[in-house]
PDB file of N, CA and C in Angstrom:
ATOM      1  N   MET A   1    -255.247 134.811-224.860  1.00  0.00           N
ATOM      2  CA  MET A   1    -254.713 135.506-223.689  1.00  0.00           C
ATOM      3  C   MET A   1    -254.473 136.986-224.038  1.00  0.00           C
ATOM      4  N   SER A   2    -254.882 137.892-223.219  1.00  0.00           N
ATOM      5  CA  SER A   2    -254.744 139.326-223.452  1.00  0.00           C
ATOM      6  C   SER A   2    -253.297 139.740-223.257  1.00  0.00           C
ATOM      7  N   SER A   3    -252.875 140.722-223.986  1.00  0.00           N
ATOM      8  CA  SER A   3    -251.584 141.341-223.768  1.00  0.00           C
ATOM      9  C   SER A   3    -251.589 142.497-222.812  1.00  0.00           C
ATOM     10  N   MET A   4    -252.667 142.657-222.080  1.00  0.00           N
ATOM     11  CA  MET A   4    -252.810 143.656-221.057  1.00  0.00           C
ATOM     12  C   MET A   4    -253.027 143.076-219.670  1.00  0.00           C
ATOM     13  N   VAL A   5    -252.445 143.709-218.665  1.00  0.00           N
ATOM     14  CA  VAL A   5    -252.699 143.204-217.309  1.00  0.00           C
ATOM     15  C   VAL A   5    -252.958 144.459-216.451  1.00  0.00           C
ATOM     16  N   LYS A   6    -254.156 144.446-215.827  1.00  0.00           N
ATOM     17  CA  LYS A   6    -254.478 145.592-214.947  1.00  0.00           C
ATOM     18  C   LYS A   6    -253.999 145.315-213.549  1.00  0.00           C
ATOM     19  N   PHE A   7    -253.509 146.248-212.865  1.00  0.00           N
ATOM     20  CA  PHE A   7    -253.057 146.076-211.479  1.00  0.00           C
ATOM     21  C   PHE A   7    -254.316 146.066-210.624  1.00  0.00           C
ATOM     22  N   ASP A   8    -254.932 144.936-210.461  1.00  0.00           N
ATOM     23  CA  ASP A   8    -256.130 144.716-209.691  1.00  0.00           C
ATOM     24  C   ASP A   8    -255.782 143.837-208.462  1.00  0.00           C
ATOM     25  N   LEU A   9    -255.562 144.498-207.371  1.00  0.00           N
ATOM     26  CA  LEU A   9    -255.181 143.729-206.119  1.00  0.00           C
ATOM     27  C   LEU A   9    -256.273 142.775-205.583  1.00  0.00           C
ATOM     28  N   SER A  10    -257.503 143.038-205.963  1.00  0.00           N
ATOM     29  CA  SER A  10    -258.549 142.144-205.489  1.00  0.00           C
ATOM     30  C   SER A  10    -258.467 140.790-206.062  1.00  0.00           C
ATOM     31  N   SER A  11    -257.754 140.682-207.194  1.00  0.00           N
ATOM     32  CA  SER A  11    -257.650 139.314-207.843  1.00  0.00           C
ATOM     33  C   SER A  11    -256.357 138.521-207.472  1.00  0.00           C
ATOM     34  N   VAL A  12    -255.580 139.122-206.555  1.00  0.00           N
ATOM     35  CA  VAL A  12    -254.284 138.492-206.147  1.00  0.00           C
ATOM     36  C   VAL A  12    -254.260 138.447-204.613  1.00  0.00           C
ATOM     37  N   GLU A  13    -253.844 137.301-204.142  1.00  0.00           N
ATOM     38  CA  GLU A  13    -253.608 137.227-202.632  1.00  0.00           C
ATOM     39  C   GLU A  13    -252.266 137.770-202.284  1.00  0.00           C
ATOM     40  N   ALA A  14    -252.252 138.589-201.206  1.00  0.00           N
ATOM     41  CA  ALA A  14    -251.025 139.185-200.756  1.00  0.00           C
ATOM     42  C   ALA A  14    -250.131 138.158-200.027  1.00  0.00           C
ATOM     43  N   GLU A  15    -248.798 138.234-200.365  1.00  0.00           N
ATOM     44  CA  GLU A  15    -247.820 137.479-199.632  1.00  0.00           C
ATOM     45  C   GLU A  15    -247.346 138.355-198.480  1.00  0.00           C
ATOM     46  N   THR A  16    -247.094 137.807-197.330  1.00  0.00           N
ATOM     47  CA  THR A  16    -246.614 138.550-196.190  1.00  0.00           C
ATOM     48  C   THR A  16    -245.185 138.218-195.875  1.00  0.00           C
ATOM     49  N   GLY A  17    -244.492 139.163-195.233  1.00  0.00           N
ATOM     50  CA  GLY A  17    -243.086 138.924-194.866  1.00  0.00           C
ATOM     51  C   GLY A  17    -242.518 140.036-194.044  1.00  0.00           C
ATOM     52  N   ALA A  18    -241.283 139.964-193.824  1.00  0.00           N
ATOM     53  CA  ALA A  18    -240.467 140.995-193.057  1.00  0.00           C
ATOM     54  C   ALA A  18    -239.035 140.842-193.441  1.00  0.00           C
ATOM     55  N   PRO A  19    -238.232 141.872-193.056  1.00  0.00           N
ATOM     56  CA  PRO A  19    -236.840 141.801-193.401  1.00  0.00           C
ATOM     57  C   PRO A  19    -236.167 140.649-192.545  1.00  0.00           C
ATOM     58  N   PRO A  20    -235.143 140.023-193.148  1.00  0.00           N
ATOM     59  CA  PRO A  20    -234.464 139.019-192.313  1.00  0.00           C
ATOM     60  C   PRO A  20    -233.877 139.669-191.065  1.00  0.00           C
ATOM     61  N   PRO A  21    -233.936 138.949-189.911  1.00  0.00           N
ATOM     62  CA  PRO A  21    -233.533 139.492-188.679  1.00  0.00           C
ATOM     63  C   PRO A  21    -232.121 140.115-188.698  1.00  0.00           C
ATOM     64  N   GLU A  22    -231.197 139.502-189.475  1.00  0.00           N
ATOM     65  CA  GLU A  22    -229.840 140.033-189.477  1.00  0.00           C
ATOM     66  C   GLU A  22    -229.768 141.342-190.210  1.00  0.00           C
ATOM     67  N   ARG A  23    -230.781 141.764-190.946  1.00  0.00           N
ATOM     68  CA  ARG A  23    -230.768 143.057-191.684  1.00  0.00           C
ATOM     69  C   ARG A  23    -231.552 144.144-190.919  1.00  0.00           C
ATOM     70  N   LEU A  24    -232.359 143.743-189.943  1.00  0.00           N
ATOM     71  CA  LEU A  24    -233.219 144.703-189.220  1.00  0.00           C
ATOM     72  C   LEU A  24    -232.371 145.633-188.409  1.00  0.00           C
ATOM     73  N   ILE A  25    -232.650 146.941-188.522  1.00  0.00           N
ATOM     74  CA  ILE A  25    -231.948 147.928-187.723  1.00  0.00           C
ATOM     75  C   ILE A  25    -232.866 148.479-186.639  1.00  0.00           C
ATOM     76  N   SER A  26    -234.152 148.716-186.994  1.00  0.00           N
ATOM     77  CA  SER A  26    -235.082 149.234-185.890  1.00  0.00           C
ATOM     78  C   SER A  26    -236.538 148.909-186.290  1.00  0.00           C
ATOM     79  N   GLY A  27    -237.403 148.952-185.302  1.00  0.00           N
ATOM     80  CA  GLY A  27    -238.771 148.750-185.518  1.00  0.00           C
ATOM     81  C   GLY A  27    -239.150 147.264-185.730  1.00  0.00           C
ATOM     82  N   ASN A  28    -240.405 147.066-186.244  1.00  0.00           N
ATOM     83  CA  ASN A  28    -240.924 145.726-186.475  1.00  0.00           C
ATOM     84  C   ASN A  28    -241.669 145.830-187.809  1.00  0.00           C
ATOM     85  N   PRO A  29    -240.987 146.120-188.894  1.00  0.00           N
ATOM     86  CA  PRO A  29    -241.697 146.264-190.180  1.00  0.00           C
ATOM     87  C   PRO A  29    -242.259 144.956-190.673  1.00  0.00           C
ATOM     88  N   ARG A  30    -243.415 145.128-191.327  1.00  0.00           N
ATOM     89  CA  ARG A  30    -244.055 143.939-191.917  1.00  0.00           C
ATOM     90  C   ARG A  30    -244.420 144.313-193.352  1.00  0.00           C
ATOM     91  N   PHE A  31    -244.249 143.348-194.302  1.00  0.00           N
ATOM     92  CA  PHE A  31    -244.501 143.554-195.665  1.00  0.00           C
ATOM     93  C   PHE A  31    -245.747 142.826-196.139  1.00  0.00           C
ATOM     94  N   ARG A  32    -246.386 143.373-197.141  1.00  0.00           N
ATOM     95  CA  ARG A  32    -247.401 142.728-197.929  1.00  0.00           C
ATOM     96  C   ARG A  32    -247.046 142.950-199.384  1.00  0.00           C
ATOM     97  N   THR A  33    -247.050 141.933-200.168  1.00  0.00           N
ATOM     98  CA  THR A  33    -246.686 142.037-201.595  1.00  0.00           C
ATOM     99  C   THR A  33    -247.787 141.345-202.455  1.00  0.00           C
ATOM    100  N   TRP A  34    -248.260 142.075-203.447  1.00  0.00           N
ATOM    101  CA  TRP A  34    -249.213 141.543-204.394  1.00  0.00           C
ATOM    102  C   TRP A  34    -248.431 141.403-205.728  1.00  0.00           C
ATOM    103  N   ASN A  35    -247.993 140.185-206.053  1.00  0.00           N
ATOM    104  CA  ASN A  35    -247.278 139.991-207.327  1.00  0.00           C
ATOM    105  C   ASN A  35    -248.323 139.820-208.465  1.00  0.00           C
ATOM    106  N   ILE A  36    -248.358 140.812-209.347  1.00  0.00           N
ATOM    107  CA  ILE A  36    -249.357 140.864-210.413  1.00  0.00           C
ATOM    108  C   ILE A  36    -248.883 140.017-211.571  1.00  0.00           C
ATOM    109  N   GLU A  37    -247.584 140.149-211.874  1.00  0.00           N
ATOM    110  CA  GLU A  37    -247.007 139.468-213.053  1.00  0.00           C
ATOM    111  C   GLU A  37    -245.615 138.880-212.769  1.00  0.00           C
ATOM    112  N   GLN A  38    -245.394 137.696-213.138  1.00  0.00           N
ATOM    113  CA  GLN A  38    -244.060 137.066-213.033  1.00  0.00           C
ATOM    114  C   GLN A  38    -243.796 136.358-214.369  1.00  0.00           C
ATOM    115  N   THR A  39    -242.657 136.561-215.035  1.00  0.00           N
ATOM    116  CA  THR A  39    -242.354 135.869-216.263  1.00  0.00           C
ATOM    117  C   THR A  39    -241.165 134.977-216.071  1.00  0.00           C
ATOM    118  N   GLU A  40    -241.085 134.033-216.910  1.00  0.00           N
ATOM    119  CA  GLU A  40    -239.945 133.046-216.870  1.00  0.00           C
ATOM    120  C   GLU A  40    -238.602 133.749-217.045  1.00  0.00           C
ATOM    121  N   GLY A  41    -238.617 134.888-217.705  1.00  0.00           N
ATOM    122  CA  GLY A  41    -237.380 135.593-217.932  1.00  0.00           C
ATOM    123  C   GLY A  41    -236.856 136.417-216.691  1.00  0.00           C
ATOM    124  N   GLY A  42    -237.619 136.323-215.618  1.00  0.00           N
ATOM    125  CA  GLY A  42    -237.133 137.083-214.481  1.00  0.00           C
ATOM    126  C   GLY A  42    -237.661 138.517-214.324  1.00  0.00           C
ATOM    127  N   LEU A  43    -238.866 138.711-214.829  1.00  0.00           N
ATOM    128  CA  LEU A  43    -239.480 140.031-214.701  1.00  0.00           C
ATOM    129  C   LEU A  43    -240.639 139.943-213.752  1.00  0.00           C
ATOM    130  N   TYR A  44    -240.728 140.888-212.716  1.00  0.00           N
ATOM    131  CA  TYR A  44    -241.727 140.833-211.750  1.00  0.00           C
ATOM    132  C   TYR A  44    -242.389 142.232-211.633  1.00  0.00           C
ATOM    133  N   SER A  45    -243.635 142.247-211.456  1.00  0.00           N
ATOM    134  CA  SER A  45    -244.335 143.548-211.192  1.00  0.00           C
ATOM    135  C   SER A  45    -245.495 143.314-210.237  1.00  0.00           C
ATOM    136  N   GLY A  46    -245.829 144.435-209.478  1.00  0.00           N
ATOM    137  CA  GLY A  46    -246.869 144.337-208.567  1.00  0.00           C
ATOM    138  C   GLY A  46    -246.894 145.507-207.573  1.00  0.00           C
ATOM    139  N   VAL A  47    -247.405 145.241-206.400  1.00  0.00           N
ATOM    140  CA  VAL A  47    -247.544 146.303-205.397  1.00  0.00           C
ATOM    141  C   VAL A  47    -246.918 145.751-204.089  1.00  0.00           C
ATOM    142  N   TRP A  48    -246.175 146.599-203.402  1.00  0.00           N
ATOM    143  CA  TRP A  48    -245.548 146.224-202.130  1.00  0.00           C
ATOM    144  C   TRP A  48    -245.908 147.302-201.101  1.00  0.00           C
ATOM    145  N   GLU A  49    -246.137 146.784-199.855  1.00  0.00           N
ATOM    146  CA  GLU A  49    -246.467 147.666-198.782  1.00  0.00           C
ATOM    147  C   GLU A  49    -245.649 147.299-197.539  1.00  0.00           C
ATOM    148  N   ALA A  50    -245.156 148.300-196.812  1.00  0.00           N
ATOM    149  CA  ALA A  50    -244.397 147.992-195.606  1.00  0.00           C
ATOM    150  C   ALA A  50    -244.816 148.977-194.480  1.00  0.00           C
ATOM    151  N   THR A  51    -244.770 148.454-193.200  1.00  0.00           N
ATOM    152  CA  THR A  51    -245.038 149.263-192.069  1.00  0.00           C
ATOM    153  C   THR A  51    -243.765 149.766-191.578  1.00  0.00           C
ATOM    154  N   PRO A  52    -243.783 150.765-190.631  1.00  0.00           N
ATOM    155  CA  PRO A  52    -242.561 151.444-190.143  1.00  0.00           C
ATOM    156  C   PRO A  52    -241.517 150.558-189.587  1.00  0.00           C
ATOM    157  N   GLY A  53    -240.312 150.969-189.862  1.00  0.00           N
ATOM    158  CA  GLY A  53    -239.052 150.244-189.430  1.00  0.00           C
ATOM    159  C   GLY A  53    -237.945 150.609-190.348  1.00  0.00           C
ATOM    160  N   LYS A  54    -236.696 150.099-190.035  1.00  0.00           N
ATOM    161  CA  LYS A  54    -235.555 150.362-190.813  1.00  0.00           C
ATOM    162  C   LYS A  54    -234.720 149.071-190.949  1.00  0.00           C
ATOM    163  N   TRP A  55    -234.227 148.802-192.155  1.00  0.00           N
ATOM    164  CA  TRP A  55    -233.378 147.597-192.386  1.00  0.00           C
ATOM    165  C   TRP A  55    -232.419 147.856-193.507  1.00  0.00           C
ATOM    166  N   ARG A  56    -231.443 147.012-193.563  1.00  0.00           N
ATOM    167  CA  ARG A  56    -230.395 147.104-194.610  1.00  0.00           C
ATOM    168  C   ARG A  56    -230.902 146.449-195.911  1.00  0.00           C
ATOM    169  N   ILE A  57    -230.630 147.067-197.081  1.00  0.00           N
ATOM    170  CA  ILE A  57    -230.944 146.382-198.376  1.00  0.00           C
ATOM    171  C   ILE A  57    -229.769 146.205-199.232  1.00  0.00           C
ATOM    172  N   VAL A  58    -229.753 145.190-199.984  1.00  0.00           N
ATOM    173  CA  VAL A  58    -228.715 144.883-200.961  1.00  0.00           C
ATOM    174  C   VAL A  58    -229.468 144.437-202.285  1.00  0.00           C
ATOM    175  N   TYR A  59    -229.208 145.067-203.399  1.00  0.00           N
ATOM    176  CA  TYR A  59    -229.889 144.772-204.615  1.00  0.00           C
ATOM    177  C   TYR A  59    -228.955 143.993-205.584  1.00  0.00           C
ATOM    178  N   ASP A  60    -229.379 142.838-205.986  1.00  0.00           N
ATOM    179  CA  ASP A  60    -228.719 142.155-207.069  1.00  0.00           C
ATOM    180  C   ASP A  60    -229.557 142.310-208.372  1.00  0.00           C
ATOM    181  N   GLU A  61    -230.765 142.837-208.203  1.00  0.00           N
ATOM    182  CA  GLU A  61    -231.661 143.030-209.317  1.00  0.00           C
ATOM    183  C   GLU A  61    -231.802 144.510-209.636  1.00  0.00           C
ATOM    184  N   TRP A  62    -232.491 144.823-210.743  1.00  0.00           N
ATOM    185  CA  TRP A  62    -232.834 146.175-211.133  1.00  0.00           C
ATOM    186  C   TRP A  62    -234.250 146.367-210.774  1.00  0.00           C
ATOM    187  N   GLU A  63    -234.598 147.566-210.122  1.00  0.00           N
ATOM    188  CA  GLU A  63    -235.941 147.805-209.784  1.00  0.00           C
ATOM    189  C   GLU A  63    -236.373 149.274-210.048  1.00  0.00           C
ATOM    190  N   TYR A  64    -237.494 149.442-210.722  1.00  0.00           N
ATOM    191  CA  TYR A  64    -238.184 150.727-210.822  1.00  0.00           C
ATOM    192  C   TYR A  64    -239.374 150.619-209.869  1.00  0.00           C
ATOM    193  N   PHE A  65    -239.610 151.727-209.122  1.00  0.00           N
ATOM    194  CA  PHE A  65    -240.831 151.803-208.343  1.00  0.00           C
ATOM    195  C   PHE A  65    -241.303 153.196-208.278  1.00  0.00           C
ATOM    196  N   HIS A  66    -242.570 153.295-207.900  1.00  0.00           N
ATOM    197  CA  HIS A  66    -243.365 154.551-207.767  1.00  0.00           C
ATOM    198  C   HIS A  66    -244.093 154.535-206.516  1.00  0.00           C
ATOM    199  N   ILE A  67    -243.876 155.494-205.650  1.00  0.00           N
ATOM    200  CA  ILE A  67    -244.474 155.479-204.323  1.00  0.00           C
ATOM    201  C   ILE A  67    -246.001 155.976-204.471  1.00  0.00           C
ATOM    202  N   LEU A  68    -246.895 155.170-203.978  1.00  0.00           N
ATOM    203  CA  LEU A  68    -248.327 155.443-204.072  1.00  0.00           C
ATOM    204  C   LEU A  68    -248.780 156.215-202.829  1.00  0.00           C
ATOM    205  N   THR A  69    -248.308 155.750-201.658  1.00  0.00           N
ATOM    206  CA  THR A  69    -248.698 156.317-200.335  1.00  0.00           C
ATOM    207  C   THR A  69    -247.596 156.257-199.392  1.00  0.00           C
ATOM    208  N   GLY A  70    -247.544 157.080-198.395  1.00  0.00           N
ATOM    209  CA  GLY A  70    -246.558 156.934-197.260  1.00  0.00           C
ATOM    210  C   GLY A  70    -245.396 157.785-197.404  1.00  0.00           C
ATOM    211  N   HIS A  71    -244.399 157.472-196.532  1.00  0.00           N
ATOM    212  CA  HIS A  71    -243.164 158.219-196.488  1.00  0.00           C
ATOM    213  C   HIS A  71    -242.045 157.242-196.144  1.00  0.00           C
ATOM    214  N   SER A  72    -241.021 157.136-196.998  1.00  0.00           N
ATOM    215  CA  SER A  72    -239.861 156.241-196.696  1.00  0.00           C
ATOM    216  C   SER A  72    -238.614 157.081-197.019  1.00  0.00           C
ATOM    217  N   ILE A  73    -237.507 156.592-196.418  1.00  0.00           N
ATOM    218  CA  ILE A  73    -236.200 157.203-196.691  1.00  0.00           C
ATOM    219  C   ILE A  73    -235.261 156.066-197.183  1.00  0.00           C
ATOM    220  N   VAL A  74    -234.656 156.228-198.335  1.00  0.00           N
ATOM    221  CA  VAL A  74    -233.730 155.317-198.913  1.00  0.00           C
ATOM    222  C   VAL A  74    -232.348 155.973-198.868  1.00  0.00           C
ATOM    223  N   THR A  75    -231.382 155.288-198.308  1.00  0.00           N
ATOM    224  CA  THR A  75    -229.982 155.872-198.172  1.00  0.00           C
ATOM    225  C   THR A  75    -229.039 154.904-198.679  1.00  0.00           C
ATOM    226  N   GLU A  76    -228.276 155.298-199.681  1.00  0.00           N
ATOM    227  CA  GLU A  76    -227.156 154.508-200.175  1.00  0.00           C
ATOM    228  C   GLU A  76    -225.968 154.562-199.236  1.00  0.00           C
ATOM    229  N   GLU A  77    -225.181 153.426-199.127  1.00  0.00           N
ATOM    230  CA  GLU A  77    -224.019 153.461-198.263  1.00  0.00           C
ATOM    231  C   GLU A  77    -223.164 154.660-198.614  1.00  0.00           C
ATOM    232  N   GLU A  78    -222.686 155.445-197.635  1.00  0.00           N
ATOM    233  CA  GLU A  78    -221.968 156.632-197.860  1.00  0.00           C
ATOM    234  C   GLU A  78    -222.661 157.728-198.599  1.00  0.00           C
ATOM    235  N   GLY A  79    -223.961 157.633-198.674  1.00  0.00           N
ATOM    236  CA  GLY A  79    -224.697 158.574-199.438  1.00  0.00           C
ATOM    237  C   GLY A  79    -225.668 159.393-198.616  1.00  0.00           C
ATOM    238  N   GLU A  80    -226.357 160.329-199.201  1.00  0.00           N
ATOM    239  CA  GLU A  80    -227.327 161.191-198.482  1.00  0.00           C
ATOM    240  C   GLU A  80    -228.654 160.453-198.520  1.00  0.00           C
ATOM    241  N   PRO A  81    -229.468 160.672-197.474  1.00  0.00           N
ATOM    242  CA  PRO A  81    -230.821 160.119-197.427  1.00  0.00           C
ATOM    243  C   PRO A  81    -231.768 160.784-198.543  1.00  0.00           C
ATOM    244  N   VAL A  82    -232.547 159.911-199.139  1.00  0.00           N
ATOM    245  CA  VAL A  82    -233.546 160.377-200.097  1.00  0.00           C
ATOM    246  C   VAL A  82    -234.910 160.117-199.582  1.00  0.00           C
ATOM    247  N   HIS A  83    -235.692 161.205-199.305  1.00  0.00           N
ATOM    248  CA  HIS A  83    -237.021 161.123-198.789  1.00  0.00           C
ATOM    249  C   HIS A  83    -237.960 160.827-199.985  1.00  0.00           C
ATOM    250  N   LEU A  84    -238.762 159.828-199.814  1.00  0.00           N
ATOM    251  CA  LEU A  84    -239.807 159.457-200.896  1.00  0.00           C
ATOM    252  C   LEU A  84    -241.193 159.579-200.290  1.00  0.00           C
ATOM    253  N   THR A  85    -242.051 160.215-201.035  1.00  0.00           N
ATOM    254  CA  THR A  85    -243.461 160.301-200.657  1.00  0.00           C
ATOM    255  C   THR A  85    -244.291 160.065-201.918  1.00  0.00           C
ATOM    256  N   ALA A  86    -245.616 160.051-201.752  1.00  0.00           N
ATOM    257  CA  ALA A  86    -246.543 159.753-202.887  1.00  0.00           C
ATOM    258  C   ALA A  86    -246.173 160.591-204.070  1.00  0.00           C
ATOM    259  N   GLY A  87    -246.056 159.918-205.211  1.00  0.00           N
ATOM    260  CA  GLY A  87    -245.676 160.596-206.457  1.00  0.00           C
ATOM    261  C   GLY A  87    -244.254 160.488-206.879  1.00  0.00           C
ATOM    262  N   ASP A  88    -243.390 160.088-205.926  1.00  0.00           N
ATOM    263  CA  ASP A  88    -241.966 159.928-206.228  1.00  0.00           C
ATOM    264  C   ASP A  88    -241.634 158.627-206.882  1.00  0.00           C
ATOM    265  N   SER A  89    -240.700 158.623-207.757  1.00  0.00           N
ATOM    266  CA  SER A  89    -240.230 157.352-208.484  1.00  0.00           C
ATOM    267  C   SER A  89    -238.772 157.214-208.353  1.00  0.00           C
ATOM    268  N   MET A  90    -238.215 155.963-208.403  1.00  0.00           N
ATOM    269  CA  MET A  90    -236.827 155.772-208.320  1.00  0.00           C
ATOM    270  C   MET A  90    -236.468 154.445-209.027  1.00  0.00           C
ATOM    271  N   ILE A  91    -235.143 154.380-209.368  1.00  0.00           N
ATOM    272  CA  ILE A  91    -234.619 153.126-209.859  1.00  0.00           C
ATOM    273  C   ILE A  91    -233.446 152.785-208.993  1.00  0.00           C
ATOM    274  N   LEU A  92    -233.423 151.506-208.586  1.00  0.00           N
ATOM    275  CA  LEU A  92    -232.321 150.975-207.785  1.00  0.00           C
ATOM    276  C   LEU A  92    -231.677 149.930-208.698  1.00  0.00           C
ATOM    277  N   ARG A  93    -230.372 150.141-208.981  1.00  0.00           N
ATOM    278  CA  ARG A  93    -229.623 149.242-209.853  1.00  0.00           C
ATOM    279  C   ARG A  93    -228.878 148.118-209.071  1.00  0.00           C
ATOM    280  N   PRO A  94    -228.604 147.055-209.837  1.00  0.00           N
ATOM    281  CA  PRO A  94    -227.846 145.966-209.180  1.00  0.00           C
ATOM    282  C   PRO A  94    -226.549 146.537-208.537  1.00  0.00           C
ATOM    283  N   GLY A  95    -226.257 146.093-207.366  1.00  0.00           N
ATOM    284  CA  GLY A  95    -225.067 146.576-206.648  1.00  0.00           C
ATOM    285  C   GLY A  95    -225.378 147.588-205.635  1.00  0.00           C
ATOM    286  N   PHE A  96    -226.705 148.110-205.562  1.00  0.00           N
ATOM    287  CA  PHE A  96    -227.095 149.083-204.600  1.00  0.00           C
ATOM    288  C   PHE A  96    -227.003 148.469-203.185  1.00  0.00           C
ATOM    289  N   LYS A  97    -226.388 149.152-202.214  1.00  0.00           N
ATOM    290  CA  LYS A  97    -226.365 148.759-200.820  1.00  0.00           C
ATOM    291  C   LYS A  97    -226.686 149.994-200.005  1.00  0.00           C
ATOM    292  N   GLY A  98    -227.568 149.756-199.037  1.00  0.00           N
ATOM    293  CA  GLY A  98    -227.931 150.924-198.106  1.00  0.00           C
ATOM    294  C   GLY A  98    -228.970 150.511-197.185  1.00  0.00           C
ATOM    295  N   THR A  99    -229.836 151.411-196.870  1.00  0.00           N
ATOM    296  CA  THR A  99    -230.978 151.176-195.927  1.00  0.00           C
ATOM    297  C   THR A  99    -232.280 151.698-196.495  1.00  0.00           C
ATOM    298  N   TRP A 100    -233.333 151.083-196.033  1.00  0.00           N
ATOM    299  CA  TRP A 100    -234.727 151.470-196.333  1.00  0.00           C
ATOM    300  C   TRP A 100    -235.390 151.725-195.011  1.00  0.00           C
ATOM    301  N   GLU A 101    -235.844 152.927-194.826  1.00  0.00           N
ATOM    302  CA  GLU A 101    -236.590 153.275-193.596  1.00  0.00           C
ATOM    303  C   GLU A 101    -238.008 153.710-193.928  1.00  0.00           C
ATOM    304  N   VAL A 102    -238.973 152.966-193.377  1.00  0.00           N
ATOM    305  CA  VAL A 102    -240.338 153.385-193.579  1.00  0.00           C
ATOM    306  C   VAL A 102    -240.771 154.214-192.349  1.00  0.00           C
ATOM    307  N   VAL A 103    -241.028 155.523-192.610  1.00  0.00           N
ATOM    308  CA  VAL A 103    -241.428 156.518-191.651  1.00  0.00           C
ATOM    309  C   VAL A 103    -242.973 156.353-191.397  1.00  0.00           C
ATOM    310  N   GLU A 104    -243.638 156.316-192.527  1.00  0.00           N
ATOM    311  CA  GLU A 104    -245.125 156.183-192.495  1.00  0.00           C
ATOM    312  C   GLU A 104    -245.450 155.068-193.432  1.00  0.00           C
ATOM    313  N   THR A 105    -246.281 154.089-193.052  1.00  0.00           N
ATOM    314  CA  THR A 105    -246.561 152.992-193.909  1.00  0.00           C
ATOM    315  C   THR A 105    -246.589 153.369-195.403  1.00  0.00           C
ATOM    316  N   THR A 106    -245.789 152.649-196.155  1.00  0.00           N
ATOM    317  CA  THR A 106    -245.517 152.946-197.572  1.00  0.00           C
ATOM    318  C   THR A 106    -246.027 151.922-198.473  1.00  0.00           C
ATOM    319  N   ARG A 107    -246.660 152.325-199.563  1.00  0.00           N
ATOM    320  CA  ARG A 107    -247.101 151.364-200.639  1.00  0.00           C
ATOM    321  C   ARG A 107    -246.498 151.953-201.968  1.00  0.00           C
ATOM    322  N   LYS A 108    -245.983 151.014-202.711  1.00  0.00           N
ATOM    323  CA  LYS A 108    -245.346 151.296-204.003  1.00  0.00           C
ATOM    324  C   LYS A 108    -245.784 150.268-205.038  1.00  0.00           C
ATOM    325  N   ASP A 109    -245.802 150.713-206.294  1.00  0.00           N
ATOM    326  CA  ASP A 109    -245.879 149.677-207.334  1.00  0.00           C
ATOM    327  C   ASP A 109    -244.504 149.532-207.913  1.00  0.00           C
ATOM    328  N   TYR A 110    -244.156 148.417-208.454  1.00  0.00           N
ATOM    329  CA  TYR A 110    -242.783 148.139-208.855  1.00  0.00           C
ATOM    330  C   TYR A 110    -242.703 147.254-210.125  1.00  0.00           C
ATOM    331  N   VAL A 111    -241.578 147.356-210.741  1.00  0.00           N
ATOM    332  CA  VAL A 111    -241.156 146.388-211.810  1.00  0.00           C
ATOM    333  C   VAL A 111    -239.680 145.992-211.497  1.00  0.00           C
ATOM    334  N   ILE A 112    -239.455 144.699-211.339  1.00  0.00           N
ATOM    335  CA  ILE A 112    -238.160 144.165-211.079  1.00  0.00           C
ATOM    336  C   ILE A 112    -237.668 143.298-212.141  1.00  0.00           C
ATOM    337  N   ARG A 113    -236.403 143.421-212.495  1.00  0.00           N
ATOM    338  CA  ARG A 113    -235.762 142.598-213.540  1.00  0.00           C
ATOM    339  C   ARG A 113    -234.587 141.954-212.936  1.00  0.00           C
ATOM    340  N   LEU A 114    -234.566 140.617-212.907  1.00  0.00           N
ATOM    341  CA  LEU A 114    -233.409 139.897-212.329  1.00  0.00           C
ATOM    342  C   LEU A 114    -232.297 139.855-213.347  1.00  0.00           C
TER     343      LEU A 114
END
């Protein structure tokens, strides 16, 4: 088995989803997620895409992500909005609470650690 994994979306079927109704603030966002790697130790990596809308987010996990395309706004409770576009990266730590708003369909790659 190789110790390298290429982010090749053509070899992975996308999972689809949406924010839970109780977290939805506006719009009708839809998600597609391509999980490239999942380990028994709780490490996940892949690509996530969302269509426009706004919802509440709560993080119990640690996540690093890099925006590939689109425009989103992430706002921490009692914080200032952070606009994210292609090329931007961010870490959200456990305990983060706020909102995610997709202004223009957004695609990011991510690494999540539970």
